[in-house]
Amino acid sequence: MLPLKDDNPTRIVPFITVSLIALNVAVFLWTLFLPPVAQKEAILRLAIVPYRITHLDAGNPASLLAGARSFVAAMFLHGDILHIAGNMLYLWIFGNNIEEAMGHGRFLLFYFLCGLVASFTQIAASPSSRLPMIGASGAIAGVLAAYLVLFPTARVFTLIFLLVFVRVVPIPAVIVLGVWFLLQLLSAGSLAEGGVAFFAHIGGFVAGLALVVPFRRRRTRQALY
């Protein structure tokens, strides 16, 4: 299933969501046009590497600063066009409604907190991993969780692939996002050391579930269908 859009209009200009997308795209283009060696060095320098974090030299300010920087920088790095396209599609579909529900400032803080929890969850799951961890998916997972809580009945127009059957079908958000989270849970056990940080997705989603109520405005418009 591939979500394409939702039927849940907003009444605000979601400039935080748009700005996050623009910044992610700008950073991706910057890395894309670096020479191959420089690109690899930049990603390794800015990405979160669990082993580096769990072996930080607490007495070295430069080491601590580099570790802290990686938690922010890694959220804006992506490995290839499919990686960033998928993440930005999900952020565009679901982020504007959560930004409206929380307000601009709260949404931005919520986004980064979910991203941080996602990163720490992946580090806890694989503390000795030397694989660089990059991408906005942990933070976006928190946005998906918030959408699931606030707009479970909103229709999400989803591209369905089933053998030769391809069709766009409106599906309630609770099903689309519930299936997404279930896939992360099923994938985490067997692919914890693979190329996808499934535990980060799980951590970000759980953080979103925990934070959505305190971060939302008192009165949140509900999508009813």
N, C-alpha and C. Protein backbone atom coordinates (compact mmCIF):
# COMPACT_ATOMS: atom_id res chain seq x y z
N MET A 1 0.84 -1.19 0.00
CA MET A 1 0.00 0.00 0.00
C MET A 1 0.88 1.25 0.00
N LEU A 2 0.48 2.22 -0.84
CA LEU A 2 1.22 3.48 -0.90
C LEU A 2 0.24 4.64 -0.77
N PRO A 3 0.22 5.34 0.37
CA PRO A 3 -0.66 6.50 0.51
C PRO A 3 -0.28 7.59 -0.49
N LEU A 4 -1.31 8.22 -1.08
CA LEU A 4 -1.07 9.28 -2.06
C LEU A 4 -1.54 10.63 -1.55
N LYS A 5 -2.66 10.65 -0.85
CA LYS A 5 -3.18 11.89 -0.27
C LYS A 5 -4.30 11.53 0.70
N ASP A 6 -4.67 12.51 1.52
CA ASP A 6 -5.80 12.29 2.41
C ASP A 6 -6.92 13.26 2.07
N ASP A 7 -8.11 12.94 2.55
CA ASP A 7 -9.27 13.79 2.34
C ASP A 7 -9.57 14.50 3.66
N ASN A 8 -8.62 15.32 4.10
CA ASN A 8 -8.68 15.94 5.42
C ASN A 8 -8.06 17.33 5.32
N PRO A 9 -8.79 18.28 4.74
CA PRO A 9 -8.21 19.61 4.46
C PRO A 9 -7.87 20.37 5.74
N THR A 10 -6.92 21.28 5.62
CA THR A 10 -6.53 22.15 6.74
C THR A 10 -6.94 23.59 6.45
N ARG A 11 -6.95 24.40 7.50
CA ARG A 11 -7.33 25.81 7.35
C ARG A 11 -6.14 26.73 7.59
N ILE A 12 -4.95 26.16 7.64
CA ILE A 12 -3.75 26.95 7.90
C ILE A 12 -2.76 26.75 6.76
N VAL A 13 -1.77 27.61 6.73
CA VAL A 13 -0.63 27.38 5.86
C VAL A 13 0.40 26.60 6.68
N PRO A 14 0.66 25.33 6.35
CA PRO A 14 1.55 24.51 7.18
C PRO A 14 3.02 24.80 6.89
N PHE A 15 3.48 25.98 7.27
CA PHE A 15 4.81 26.40 6.84
C PHE A 15 5.92 25.60 7.53
N ILE A 16 5.65 25.02 8.70
CA ILE A 16 6.67 24.18 9.32
C ILE A 16 6.84 22.90 8.52
N THR A 17 5.73 22.28 8.15
CA THR A 17 5.80 21.07 7.33
C THR A 17 6.50 21.34 6.01
N VAL A 18 6.12 22.43 5.36
CA VAL A 18 6.74 22.79 4.08
C VAL A 18 8.23 23.08 4.26
N SER A 19 8.57 23.77 5.34
CA SER A 19 9.97 24.11 5.59
C SER A 19 10.80 22.86 5.86
N LEU A 20 10.25 21.92 6.61
CA LEU A 20 10.96 20.66 6.87
C LEU A 20 11.21 19.90 5.58
N ILE A 21 10.20 19.86 4.72
CA ILE A 21 10.36 19.18 3.43
C ILE A 21 11.42 19.89 2.60
N ALA A 22 11.36 21.21 2.54
CA ALA A 22 12.33 21.97 1.75
C ALA A 22 13.75 21.76 2.26
N LEU A 23 13.92 21.75 3.58
CA LEU A 23 15.26 21.57 4.15
C LEU A 23 15.78 20.17 3.88
N ASN A 24 14.91 19.16 4.00
CA ASN A 24 15.32 17.80 3.68
C ASN A 24 15.76 17.67 2.23
N VAL A 25 14.99 18.26 1.34
CA VAL A 25 15.32 18.20 -0.09
C VAL A 25 16.62 18.95 -0.37
N ALA A 26 16.81 20.10 0.26
CA ALA A 26 18.03 20.88 0.05
C ALA A 26 19.26 20.11 0.50
N VAL A 27 19.18 19.47 1.67
CA VAL A 27 20.32 18.69 2.17
C VAL A 27 20.58 17.50 1.27
N PHE A 28 19.50 16.86 0.79
CA PHE A 28 19.68 15.72 -0.11
C PHE A 28 20.38 16.16 -1.40
N LEU A 29 19.97 17.28 -1.97
CA LEU A 29 20.60 17.77 -3.20
C LEU A 29 22.06 18.13 -2.95
N TRP A 30 22.34 18.68 -1.78
CA TRP A 30 23.73 19.01 -1.44
C TRP A 30 24.59 17.74 -1.44
N THR A 31 24.12 16.70 -0.78
CA THR A 31 24.91 15.46 -0.75
C THR A 31 24.95 14.79 -2.11
N LEU A 32 23.85 14.91 -2.86
CA LEU A 32 23.77 14.24 -4.16
C LEU A 32 24.84 14.73 -5.13
N PHE A 33 25.13 16.03 -5.06
CA PHE A 33 26.07 16.61 -6.02
C PHE A 33 27.50 16.70 -5.49
N LEU A 34 27.74 16.15 -4.32
CA LEU A 34 29.11 16.03 -3.85
C LEU A 34 29.83 14.93 -4.62
N PRO A 35 31.14 15.02 -4.80
CA PRO A 35 31.89 13.89 -5.36
C PRO A 35 31.68 12.66 -4.49
N PRO A 36 31.71 11.46 -5.06
CA PRO A 36 31.41 10.24 -4.30
C PRO A 36 32.17 10.10 -2.99
N VAL A 37 33.46 10.39 -3.01
CA VAL A 37 34.25 10.25 -1.78
C VAL A 37 33.80 11.28 -0.74
N ALA A 38 33.60 12.52 -1.17
CA ALA A 38 33.17 13.56 -0.24
C ALA A 38 31.77 13.28 0.29
N GLN A 39 30.92 12.71 -0.56
CA GLN A 39 29.56 12.37 -0.12
C GLN A 39 29.60 11.32 0.98
N LYS A 40 30.41 10.30 0.78
CA LYS A 40 30.53 9.24 1.78
C LYS A 40 31.09 9.79 3.09
N GLU A 41 32.09 10.65 2.99
CA GLU A 41 32.69 11.24 4.19
C GLU A 41 31.70 12.11 4.93
N ALA A 42 30.89 12.89 4.19
CA ALA A 42 29.91 13.78 4.82
C ALA A 42 28.85 12.98 5.57
N ILE A 43 28.37 11.92 4.95
CA ILE A 43 27.33 11.11 5.59
C ILE A 43 27.89 10.41 6.82
N LEU A 44 29.09 9.87 6.72
CA LEU A 44 29.69 9.20 7.88
C LEU A 44 29.97 10.18 9.02
N ARG A 45 30.30 11.42 8.67
CA ARG A 45 30.60 12.42 9.69
C ARG A 45 29.33 12.92 10.39
N LEU A 46 28.24 13.03 9.63
CA LEU A 46 27.02 13.64 10.17
C LEU A 46 25.98 12.63 10.64
N ALA A 47 26.08 11.39 10.19
CA ALA A 47 25.09 10.38 10.55
C ALA A 47 25.25 9.93 12.00
N ILE A 48 24.21 9.29 12.51
CA ILE A 48 24.30 8.65 13.82
C ILE A 48 24.87 7.25 13.63
N VAL A 49 25.97 6.98 14.27
CA VAL A 49 26.54 5.63 14.28
C VAL A 49 26.43 5.13 15.72
N PRO A 50 25.58 4.15 15.97
CA PRO A 50 25.35 3.72 17.36
C PRO A 50 26.63 3.44 18.15
N TYR A 51 27.59 2.78 17.53
CA TYR A 51 28.84 2.47 18.24
C TYR A 51 29.54 3.74 18.69
N ARG A 52 29.54 4.76 17.84
CA ARG A 52 30.19 6.02 18.20
C ARG A 52 29.47 6.68 19.38
N ILE A 53 28.15 6.59 19.39
CA ILE A 53 27.38 7.22 20.47
C ILE A 53 27.60 6.48 21.78
N THR A 54 27.60 5.15 21.74
CA THR A 54 27.76 4.39 22.99
C THR A 54 29.20 4.37 23.48
N HIS A 55 30.14 4.87 22.65
CA HIS A 55 31.54 4.92 23.06
C HIS A 55 32.07 6.36 23.04
N LEU A 56 31.16 7.32 23.28
CA LEU A 56 31.59 8.71 23.33
C LEU A 56 32.56 8.94 24.48
N ASP A 57 33.51 9.81 24.25
CA ASP A 57 34.44 10.21 25.30
C ASP A 57 33.80 11.35 26.08
N ALA A 58 33.25 11.04 27.25
CA ALA A 58 32.52 12.04 28.04
C ALA A 58 33.40 13.21 28.46
N GLY A 59 34.69 13.01 28.48
CA GLY A 59 35.59 14.08 28.88
C GLY A 59 36.08 14.93 27.73
N ASN A 60 35.61 14.63 26.53
CA ASN A 60 36.05 15.36 25.34
C ASN A 60 34.89 16.18 24.79
N PRO A 61 34.89 17.51 24.99
CA PRO A 61 33.78 18.34 24.51
C PRO A 61 33.54 18.21 23.01
N ALA A 62 34.60 18.05 22.22
CA ALA A 62 34.44 17.93 20.78
C ALA A 62 33.68 16.66 20.43
N SER A 63 33.98 15.57 21.14
CA SER A 63 33.28 14.31 20.91
C SER A 63 31.81 14.42 21.27
N LEU A 64 31.52 15.08 22.40
CA LEU A 64 30.14 15.26 22.82
C LEU A 64 29.37 16.14 21.83
N LEU A 65 30.02 17.18 21.34
CA LEU A 65 29.39 18.09 20.38
C LEU A 65 29.07 17.36 19.08
N ALA A 66 30.03 16.56 18.61
CA ALA A 66 29.82 15.80 17.38
C ALA A 66 28.67 14.81 17.54
N GLY A 67 28.59 14.18 18.70
CA GLY A 67 27.50 13.25 18.95
C GLY A 67 26.16 13.94 18.97
N ALA A 68 26.08 15.09 19.65
CA ALA A 68 24.83 15.84 19.71
C ALA A 68 24.43 16.34 18.33
N ARG A 69 25.41 16.82 17.56
CA ARG A 69 25.13 17.32 16.21
C ARG A 69 24.54 16.23 15.33
N SER A 70 25.01 15.01 15.48
CA SER A 70 24.56 13.92 14.61
C SER A 70 23.07 13.62 14.81
N PHE A 71 22.56 13.84 16.04
CA PHE A 71 21.14 13.55 16.28
C PHE A 71 20.23 14.48 15.49
N VAL A 72 20.69 15.69 15.22
CA VAL A 72 19.90 16.62 14.41
C VAL A 72 20.20 16.43 12.93
N ALA A 73 21.47 16.39 12.59
CA ALA A 73 21.86 16.31 11.18
C ALA A 73 21.33 15.05 10.51
N ALA A 74 21.34 13.93 11.23
CA ALA A 74 20.92 12.66 10.63
C ALA A 74 19.47 12.69 10.18
N MET A 75 18.65 13.53 10.82
CA MET A 75 17.23 13.62 10.44
C MET A 75 17.02 14.24 9.06
N PHE A 76 18.05 14.87 8.54
CA PHE A 76 17.92 15.55 7.25
C PHE A 76 18.74 14.89 6.15
N LEU A 77 19.36 13.78 6.45
CA LEU A 77 20.16 13.06 5.46
C LEU A 77 19.37 11.87 4.92
N HIS A 78 19.50 11.61 3.63
CA HIS A 78 18.82 10.47 3.01
C HIS A 78 19.76 9.79 2.03
N GLY A 79 19.56 8.48 1.90
CA GLY A 79 20.49 7.69 1.11
C GLY A 79 20.29 7.75 -0.39
N ASP A 80 19.04 7.84 -0.84
CA ASP A 80 18.77 7.86 -2.28
C ASP A 80 17.42 8.51 -2.53
N ILE A 81 17.04 8.61 -3.80
CA ILE A 81 15.83 9.33 -4.18
C ILE A 81 14.58 8.65 -3.64
N LEU A 82 14.55 7.32 -3.61
CA LEU A 82 13.39 6.62 -3.09
C LEU A 82 13.24 6.84 -1.58
N HIS A 83 14.36 6.89 -0.89
CA HIS A 83 14.36 7.12 0.56
C HIS A 83 13.73 8.47 0.89
N ILE A 84 14.20 9.52 0.25
CA ILE A 84 13.67 10.85 0.57
C ILE A 84 12.27 11.04 0.00
N ALA A 85 11.99 10.47 -1.18
CA ALA A 85 10.67 10.64 -1.78
C ALA A 85 9.59 10.02 -0.89
N GLY A 86 9.86 8.80 -0.38
CA GLY A 86 8.89 8.15 0.49
C GLY A 86 8.67 8.92 1.77
N ASN A 87 9.76 9.36 2.41
CA ASN A 87 9.63 10.10 3.66
C ASN A 87 8.90 11.42 3.47
N MET A 88 9.23 12.16 2.42
CA MET A 88 8.60 13.45 2.21
C MET A 88 7.14 13.31 1.79
N LEU A 89 6.80 12.23 1.10
CA LEU A 89 5.40 11.98 0.75
C LEU A 89 4.57 11.79 2.02
N TYR A 90 5.05 10.98 2.93
CA TYR A 90 4.33 10.75 4.19
C TYR A 90 4.24 12.03 5.01
N LEU A 91 5.33 12.80 5.05
CA LEU A 91 5.31 14.05 5.82
C LEU A 91 4.32 15.04 5.22
N TRP A 92 4.26 15.11 3.90
CA TRP A 92 3.35 16.03 3.22
C TRP A 92 1.90 15.64 3.45
N ILE A 93 1.60 14.34 3.37
CA ILE A 93 0.21 13.88 3.53
C ILE A 93 -0.29 14.11 4.94
N PHE A 94 0.52 13.75 5.93
CA PHE A 94 0.03 13.72 7.31
C PHE A 94 0.51 14.88 8.18
N GLY A 95 1.58 15.55 7.77
CA GLY A 95 2.16 16.58 8.63
C GLY A 95 1.31 17.82 8.77
N ASN A 96 0.64 18.24 7.67
CA ASN A 96 -0.11 19.50 7.74
C ASN A 96 -1.25 19.44 8.76
N ASN A 97 -1.93 18.30 8.83
CA ASN A 97 -3.03 18.17 9.80
C ASN A 97 -2.54 18.19 11.24
N ILE A 98 -1.38 17.57 11.48
CA ILE A 98 -0.84 17.55 12.84
C ILE A 98 -0.30 18.94 13.21
N GLU A 99 0.26 19.63 12.25
CA GLU A 99 0.71 21.00 12.50
C GLU A 99 -0.46 21.89 12.87
N GLU A 100 -1.60 21.72 12.18
CA GLU A 100 -2.79 22.49 12.51
C GLU A 100 -3.31 22.12 13.90
N ALA A 101 -3.27 20.84 14.22
CA ALA A 101 -3.81 20.38 15.51
C ALA A 101 -2.97 20.84 16.69
N MET A 102 -1.66 20.99 16.46
CA MET A 102 -0.76 21.35 17.56
C MET A 102 -0.37 22.82 17.57
N GLY A 103 -0.38 23.45 16.41
CA GLY A 103 0.20 24.78 16.28
C GLY A 103 1.63 24.64 15.78
N HIS A 104 2.13 25.67 15.16
CA HIS A 104 3.42 25.59 14.46
C HIS A 104 4.58 25.23 15.40
N GLY A 105 4.71 25.99 16.48
CA GLY A 105 5.84 25.77 17.39
C GLY A 105 5.80 24.41 18.07
N ARG A 106 4.64 24.03 18.57
CA ARG A 106 4.51 22.73 19.23
C ARG A 106 4.78 21.59 18.25
N PHE A 107 4.30 21.75 17.03
CA PHE A 107 4.53 20.70 16.04
C PHE A 107 6.01 20.51 15.77
N LEU A 108 6.75 21.60 15.65
CA LEU A 108 8.18 21.50 15.39
C LEU A 108 8.88 20.79 16.54
N LEU A 109 8.55 21.16 17.77
CA LEU A 109 9.14 20.50 18.93
C LEU A 109 8.75 19.03 18.98
N PHE A 110 7.50 18.74 18.71
CA PHE A 110 7.00 17.36 18.68
C PHE A 110 7.78 16.53 17.66
N TYR A 111 7.99 17.10 16.49
CA TYR A 111 8.70 16.41 15.41
C TYR A 111 10.12 16.02 15.84
N PHE A 112 10.84 16.98 16.43
CA PHE A 112 12.22 16.69 16.83
C PHE A 112 12.29 15.74 18.01
N LEU A 113 11.35 15.86 18.95
CA LEU A 113 11.35 14.93 20.07
C LEU A 113 11.10 13.49 19.60
N CYS A 114 10.17 13.31 18.69
CA CYS A 114 9.92 11.98 18.15
C CYS A 114 11.15 11.45 17.43
N GLY A 115 11.83 12.33 16.69
CA GLY A 115 13.06 11.92 16.01
C GLY A 115 14.14 11.51 16.97
N LEU A 116 14.28 12.23 18.07
CA LEU A 116 15.29 11.89 19.07
C LEU A 116 14.98 10.56 19.75
N VAL A 117 13.72 10.36 20.12
CA VAL A 117 13.34 9.08 20.73
C VAL A 117 13.58 7.94 19.75
N ALA A 118 13.27 8.17 18.49
CA ALA A 118 13.50 7.15 17.47
C ALA A 118 14.98 6.76 17.40
N SER A 119 15.83 7.76 17.40
CA SER A 119 17.28 7.49 17.32
C SER A 119 17.77 6.73 18.53
N PHE A 120 17.35 7.14 19.71
CA PHE A 120 17.79 6.45 20.93
C PHE A 120 17.25 5.02 20.97
N THR A 121 16.06 4.80 20.43
CA THR A 121 15.51 3.45 20.40
C THR A 121 16.36 2.54 19.52
N GLN A 122 16.77 3.04 18.36
CA GLN A 122 17.60 2.24 17.47
C GLN A 122 18.97 1.98 18.09
N ILE A 123 19.52 2.97 18.77
CA ILE A 123 20.81 2.79 19.44
C ILE A 123 20.69 1.74 20.54
N ALA A 124 19.61 1.79 21.30
CA ALA A 124 19.40 0.81 22.36
C ALA A 124 19.24 -0.60 21.79
N ALA A 125 18.63 -0.70 20.63
CA ALA A 125 18.42 -2.02 20.01
C ALA A 125 19.71 -2.58 19.42
N SER A 126 20.58 -1.68 18.91
CA SER A 126 21.83 -2.14 18.28
C SER A 126 22.98 -1.24 18.73
N PRO A 127 23.36 -1.31 19.99
CA PRO A 127 24.37 -0.38 20.52
C PRO A 127 25.75 -0.53 19.92
N SER A 128 26.05 -1.69 19.35
CA SER A 128 27.39 -1.92 18.79
C SER A 128 27.42 -1.78 17.27
N SER A 129 26.30 -1.38 16.68
CA SER A 129 26.24 -1.26 15.22
C SER A 129 27.14 -0.13 14.74
N ARG A 130 27.84 -0.39 13.65
CA ARG A 130 28.68 0.64 13.04
C ARG A 130 28.05 1.17 11.75
N LEU A 131 26.79 0.80 11.49
CA LEU A 131 26.09 1.29 10.31
C LEU A 131 25.60 2.71 10.55
N PRO A 132 25.85 3.62 9.64
CA PRO A 132 25.34 4.99 9.80
C PRO A 132 23.82 5.00 9.70
N MET A 133 23.19 5.72 10.58
CA MET A 133 21.73 5.81 10.61
C MET A 133 21.32 7.20 10.15
N ILE A 134 20.55 7.27 9.08
CA ILE A 134 20.12 8.55 8.52
C ILE A 134 18.65 8.48 8.14
N GLY A 135 18.03 9.64 8.01
CA GLY A 135 16.67 9.70 7.53
C GLY A 135 15.72 10.35 8.51
N ALA A 136 14.62 10.87 7.97
CA ALA A 136 13.60 11.55 8.76
C ALA A 136 12.49 10.60 9.21
N SER A 137 12.60 9.32 8.89
CA SER A 137 11.47 8.42 9.10
C SER A 137 11.11 8.24 10.57
N GLY A 138 12.07 8.33 11.48
CA GLY A 138 11.75 8.21 12.90
C GLY A 138 10.85 9.33 13.37
N ALA A 139 11.20 10.57 12.99
CA ALA A 139 10.37 11.72 13.35
C ALA A 139 9.01 11.64 12.66
N ILE A 140 9.00 11.23 11.41
CA ILE A 140 7.75 11.13 10.66
C ILE A 140 6.86 10.04 11.24
N ALA A 141 7.47 8.98 11.77
CA ALA A 141 6.68 7.93 12.43
C ALA A 141 5.86 8.52 13.57
N GLY A 142 6.44 9.47 14.30
CA GLY A 142 5.69 10.14 15.36
C GLY A 142 4.51 10.91 14.82
N VAL A 143 4.69 11.54 13.65
CA VAL A 143 3.60 12.27 13.00
C VAL A 143 2.48 11.30 12.60
N LEU A 144 2.86 10.14 12.10
CA LEU A 144 1.86 9.13 11.72
C LEU A 144 1.06 8.69 12.93
N ALA A 145 1.73 8.48 14.05
CA ALA A 145 1.05 8.07 15.27
C ALA A 145 0.06 9.14 15.72
N ALA A 146 0.47 10.40 15.66
CA ALA A 146 -0.42 11.49 16.05
C ALA A 146 -1.64 11.54 15.15
N TYR A 147 -1.44 11.33 13.87
CA TYR A 147 -2.56 11.32 12.92
C TYR A 147 -3.51 10.17 13.23
N LEU A 148 -2.94 9.02 13.54
CA LEU A 148 -3.76 7.86 13.89
C LEU A 148 -4.66 8.16 15.09
N VAL A 149 -4.12 8.85 16.08
CA VAL A 149 -4.89 9.18 17.28
C VAL A 149 -5.94 10.25 17.01
N LEU A 150 -5.57 11.29 16.28
CA LEU A 150 -6.47 12.44 16.11
C LEU A 150 -7.45 12.29 14.96
N PHE A 151 -7.06 11.57 13.91
CA PHE A 151 -7.92 11.47 12.73
C PHE A 151 -8.04 10.02 12.25
N PRO A 152 -8.48 9.12 13.09
CA PRO A 152 -8.50 7.69 12.71
C PRO A 152 -9.45 7.37 11.58
N THR A 153 -10.53 8.18 11.42
CA THR A 153 -11.51 7.88 10.37
C THR A 153 -11.28 8.66 9.08
N ALA A 154 -10.26 9.53 9.05
CA ALA A 154 -9.97 10.28 7.83
C ALA A 154 -9.64 9.32 6.69
N ARG A 155 -10.12 9.62 5.51
CA ARG A 155 -9.87 8.75 4.37
C ARG A 155 -8.50 9.06 3.75
N VAL A 156 -7.74 8.03 3.53
CA VAL A 156 -6.43 8.15 2.90
C VAL A 156 -6.50 7.42 1.56
N PHE A 157 -6.33 8.16 0.50
CA PHE A 157 -6.37 7.54 -0.83
C PHE A 157 -5.05 6.81 -1.06
N THR A 158 -5.17 5.50 -1.20
CA THR A 158 -4.01 4.62 -1.15
C THR A 158 -3.92 3.78 -2.43
N LEU A 159 -2.71 3.73 -2.97
CA LEU A 159 -2.46 2.91 -4.16
C LEU A 159 -2.23 1.47 -3.71
N ILE A 160 -3.11 0.57 -4.18
CA ILE A 160 -3.06 -0.83 -3.79
C ILE A 160 -2.45 -1.66 -4.92
N PHE A 161 -1.43 -2.45 -4.56
CA PHE A 161 -0.82 -3.38 -5.52
C PHE A 161 -1.15 -4.80 -5.08
N LEU A 162 -1.83 -5.56 -5.91
CA LEU A 162 -2.14 -6.96 -5.61
C LEU A 162 -2.07 -7.75 -6.91
N LEU A 163 -0.89 -8.36 -7.13
CA LEU A 163 -0.62 -9.07 -8.38
C LEU A 163 -0.81 -8.09 -9.54
N VAL A 164 -1.78 -8.32 -10.43
CA VAL A 164 -1.99 -7.42 -11.56
C VAL A 164 -3.03 -6.35 -11.22
N PHE A 165 -3.56 -6.38 -10.02
CA PHE A 165 -4.58 -5.43 -9.60
C PHE A 165 -3.90 -4.19 -9.02
N VAL A 166 -4.11 -3.04 -9.65
CA VAL A 166 -3.58 -1.76 -9.17
C VAL A 166 -4.72 -0.75 -9.17
N ARG A 167 -4.97 -0.20 -7.98
CA ARG A 167 -6.11 0.71 -7.88
C ARG A 167 -5.92 1.65 -6.70
N VAL A 168 -6.45 2.88 -6.85
CA VAL A 168 -6.44 3.84 -5.75
C VAL A 168 -7.74 3.68 -4.97
N VAL A 169 -7.62 3.41 -3.67
CA VAL A 169 -8.78 3.11 -2.83
C VAL A 169 -8.75 4.01 -1.60
N PRO A 170 -9.89 4.63 -1.23
CA PRO A 170 -9.93 5.40 0.02
C PRO A 170 -10.04 4.43 1.21
N ILE A 171 -9.10 4.53 2.13
CA ILE A 171 -9.04 3.63 3.27
C ILE A 171 -8.94 4.47 4.54
N PRO A 172 -9.65 4.12 5.61
CA PRO A 172 -9.52 4.88 6.86
C PRO A 172 -8.08 4.90 7.36
N ALA A 173 -7.68 6.03 7.91
CA ALA A 173 -6.29 6.19 8.38
C ALA A 173 -5.91 5.13 9.40
N VAL A 174 -6.85 4.72 10.23
CA VAL A 174 -6.53 3.73 11.25
C VAL A 174 -6.05 2.42 10.63
N ILE A 175 -6.54 2.09 9.46
CA ILE A 175 -6.10 0.86 8.78
C ILE A 175 -4.74 1.08 8.11
N VAL A 176 -4.62 2.19 7.36
CA VAL A 176 -3.37 2.46 6.64
C VAL A 176 -2.20 2.56 7.61
N LEU A 177 -2.37 3.34 8.66
CA LEU A 177 -1.27 3.56 9.61
C LEU A 177 -1.10 2.39 10.56
N GLY A 178 -2.18 1.72 10.88
CA GLY A 178 -2.08 0.52 11.71
C GLY A 178 -1.31 -0.58 11.00
N VAL A 179 -1.58 -0.77 9.71
CA VAL A 179 -0.84 -1.76 8.92
C VAL A 179 0.63 -1.37 8.82
N TRP A 180 0.88 -0.08 8.60
CA TRP A 180 2.27 0.40 8.52
C TRP A 180 3.03 0.05 9.79
N PHE A 181 2.43 0.33 10.95
CA PHE A 181 3.12 0.06 12.22
C PHE A 181 3.29 -1.44 12.43
N LEU A 182 2.30 -2.22 12.06
CA LEU A 182 2.40 -3.68 12.20
C LEU A 182 3.56 -4.21 11.37
N LEU A 183 3.75 -3.67 10.17
CA LEU A 183 4.86 -4.10 9.33
C LEU A 183 6.21 -3.77 9.96
N GLN A 184 6.28 -2.64 10.66
CA GLN A 184 7.53 -2.28 11.34
C GLN A 184 7.83 -3.28 12.45
N LEU A 185 6.79 -3.66 13.20
CA LEU A 185 6.97 -4.63 14.27
C LEU A 185 7.41 -5.98 13.74
N LEU A 186 6.78 -6.42 12.65
CA LEU A 186 7.11 -7.73 12.08
C LEU A 186 8.50 -7.74 11.48
N SER A 187 8.92 -6.59 10.95
CA SER A 187 10.22 -6.52 10.27
C SER A 187 11.38 -6.33 11.25
N ALA A 188 11.10 -5.76 12.41
CA ALA A 188 12.18 -5.39 13.33
C ALA A 188 12.97 -6.60 13.82
N GLY A 189 12.29 -7.70 14.10
CA GLY A 189 12.97 -8.86 14.67
C GLY A 189 13.99 -9.48 13.75
N SER A 190 13.65 -9.62 12.47
CA SER A 190 14.54 -10.32 11.55
C SER A 190 15.54 -9.40 10.87
N LEU A 191 15.24 -8.08 10.84
CA LEU A 191 16.10 -7.17 10.07
C LEU A 191 16.68 -6.06 10.94
N ALA A 192 16.86 -6.35 12.22
CA ALA A 192 17.37 -5.32 13.13
C ALA A 192 18.74 -4.80 12.72
N GLU A 193 19.53 -5.66 12.08
CA GLU A 193 20.87 -5.24 11.67
C GLU A 193 20.94 -4.97 10.16
N GLY A 194 19.78 -4.89 9.52
CA GLY A 194 19.77 -4.66 8.08
C GLY A 194 19.91 -3.20 7.74
N GLY A 195 19.48 -2.85 6.52
CA GLY A 195 19.66 -1.49 6.05
C GLY A 195 18.57 -0.54 6.47
N VAL A 196 17.52 -1.01 7.13
CA VAL A 196 16.41 -0.15 7.55
C VAL A 196 16.33 -0.16 9.08
N ALA A 197 16.23 1.03 9.66
CA ALA A 197 16.21 1.15 11.12
C ALA A 197 14.77 1.00 11.62
N PHE A 198 14.28 -0.24 11.64
CA PHE A 198 12.89 -0.47 12.03
C PHE A 198 12.63 -0.11 13.48
N PHE A 199 13.62 -0.31 14.35
CA PHE A 199 13.41 0.06 15.75
C PHE A 199 13.27 1.57 15.90
N ALA A 200 13.91 2.33 15.03
CA ALA A 200 13.73 3.79 15.05
C ALA A 200 12.30 4.14 14.68
N HIS A 201 11.74 3.46 13.70
CA HIS A 201 10.35 3.69 13.31
C HIS A 201 9.42 3.39 14.49
N ILE A 202 9.67 2.28 15.16
CA ILE A 202 8.84 1.88 16.29
C ILE A 202 8.95 2.90 17.42
N GLY A 203 10.19 3.30 17.73
CA GLY A 203 10.40 4.27 18.80
C GLY A 203 9.74 5.60 18.50
N GLY A 204 9.87 6.07 17.26
CA GLY A 204 9.24 7.34 16.88
C GLY A 204 7.73 7.26 16.96
N PHE A 205 7.16 6.13 16.53
CA PHE A 205 5.71 5.94 16.56
C PHE A 205 5.19 5.93 17.99
N VAL A 206 5.86 5.18 18.85
CA VAL A 206 5.45 5.11 20.26
C VAL A 206 5.57 6.49 20.92
N ALA A 207 6.62 7.23 20.58
CA ALA A 207 6.78 8.59 21.11
C ALA A 207 5.62 9.46 20.66
N GLY A 208 5.23 9.32 19.40
CA GLY A 208 4.09 10.10 18.90
C GLY A 208 2.81 9.77 19.63
N LEU A 209 2.59 8.49 19.93
CA LEU A 209 1.41 8.09 20.68
C LEU A 209 1.40 8.72 22.08
N ALA A 210 2.57 8.77 22.69
CA ALA A 210 2.68 9.29 24.06
C ALA A 210 2.58 10.81 24.11
N LEU A 211 3.05 11.50 23.07
CA LEU A 211 3.15 12.96 23.11
C LEU A 211 1.99 13.69 22.47
N VAL A 212 1.19 13.01 21.66
CA VAL A 212 0.17 13.71 20.88
C VAL A 212 -0.84 14.41 21.78
N VAL A 213 -1.28 13.78 22.84
CA VAL A 213 -2.30 14.40 23.70
C VAL A 213 -1.77 15.64 24.40
N PRO A 214 -0.61 15.61 25.06
CA PRO A 214 -0.13 16.84 25.69
C PRO A 214 0.27 17.93 24.69
N PHE A 215 0.57 17.57 23.46
CA PHE A 215 1.02 18.58 22.50
C PHE A 215 -0.13 19.17 21.68
N ARG A 216 -1.25 18.49 21.60
CA ARG A 216 -2.32 19.02 20.77
C ARG A 216 -3.00 20.19 21.46
N ARG A 217 -3.66 21.02 20.67
CA ARG A 217 -4.46 22.09 21.24
C ARG A 217 -5.68 21.49 21.94
N ARG A 218 -6.29 22.28 22.80
CA ARG A 218 -7.42 21.75 23.56
C ARG A 218 -8.57 21.34 22.67
N ARG A 219 -8.81 22.13 21.63
CA ARG A 219 -9.88 21.80 20.70
C ARG A 219 -9.27 21.44 19.36
N THR A 220 -9.45 20.19 18.98
CA THR A 220 -8.89 19.71 17.72
C THR A 220 -10.02 19.27 16.81
N ARG A 221 -10.05 19.82 15.60
CA ARG A 221 -11.05 19.40 14.64
C ARG A 221 -10.90 17.93 14.33
N GLN A 222 -11.99 17.21 14.31
CA GLN A 222 -11.96 15.78 14.00
C GLN A 222 -12.52 15.55 12.59
N ALA A 223 -11.86 14.69 11.86
CA ALA A 223 -12.36 14.33 10.53
C ALA A 223 -13.38 13.21 10.71
N LEU A 224 -14.61 13.45 10.27
CA LEU A 224 -15.68 12.46 10.43
C LEU A 224 -16.17 12.01 9.08
N TYR A 225 -16.22 10.70 8.86
CA TYR A 225 -16.68 10.17 7.59
C TYR A 225 -17.57 8.97 7.84
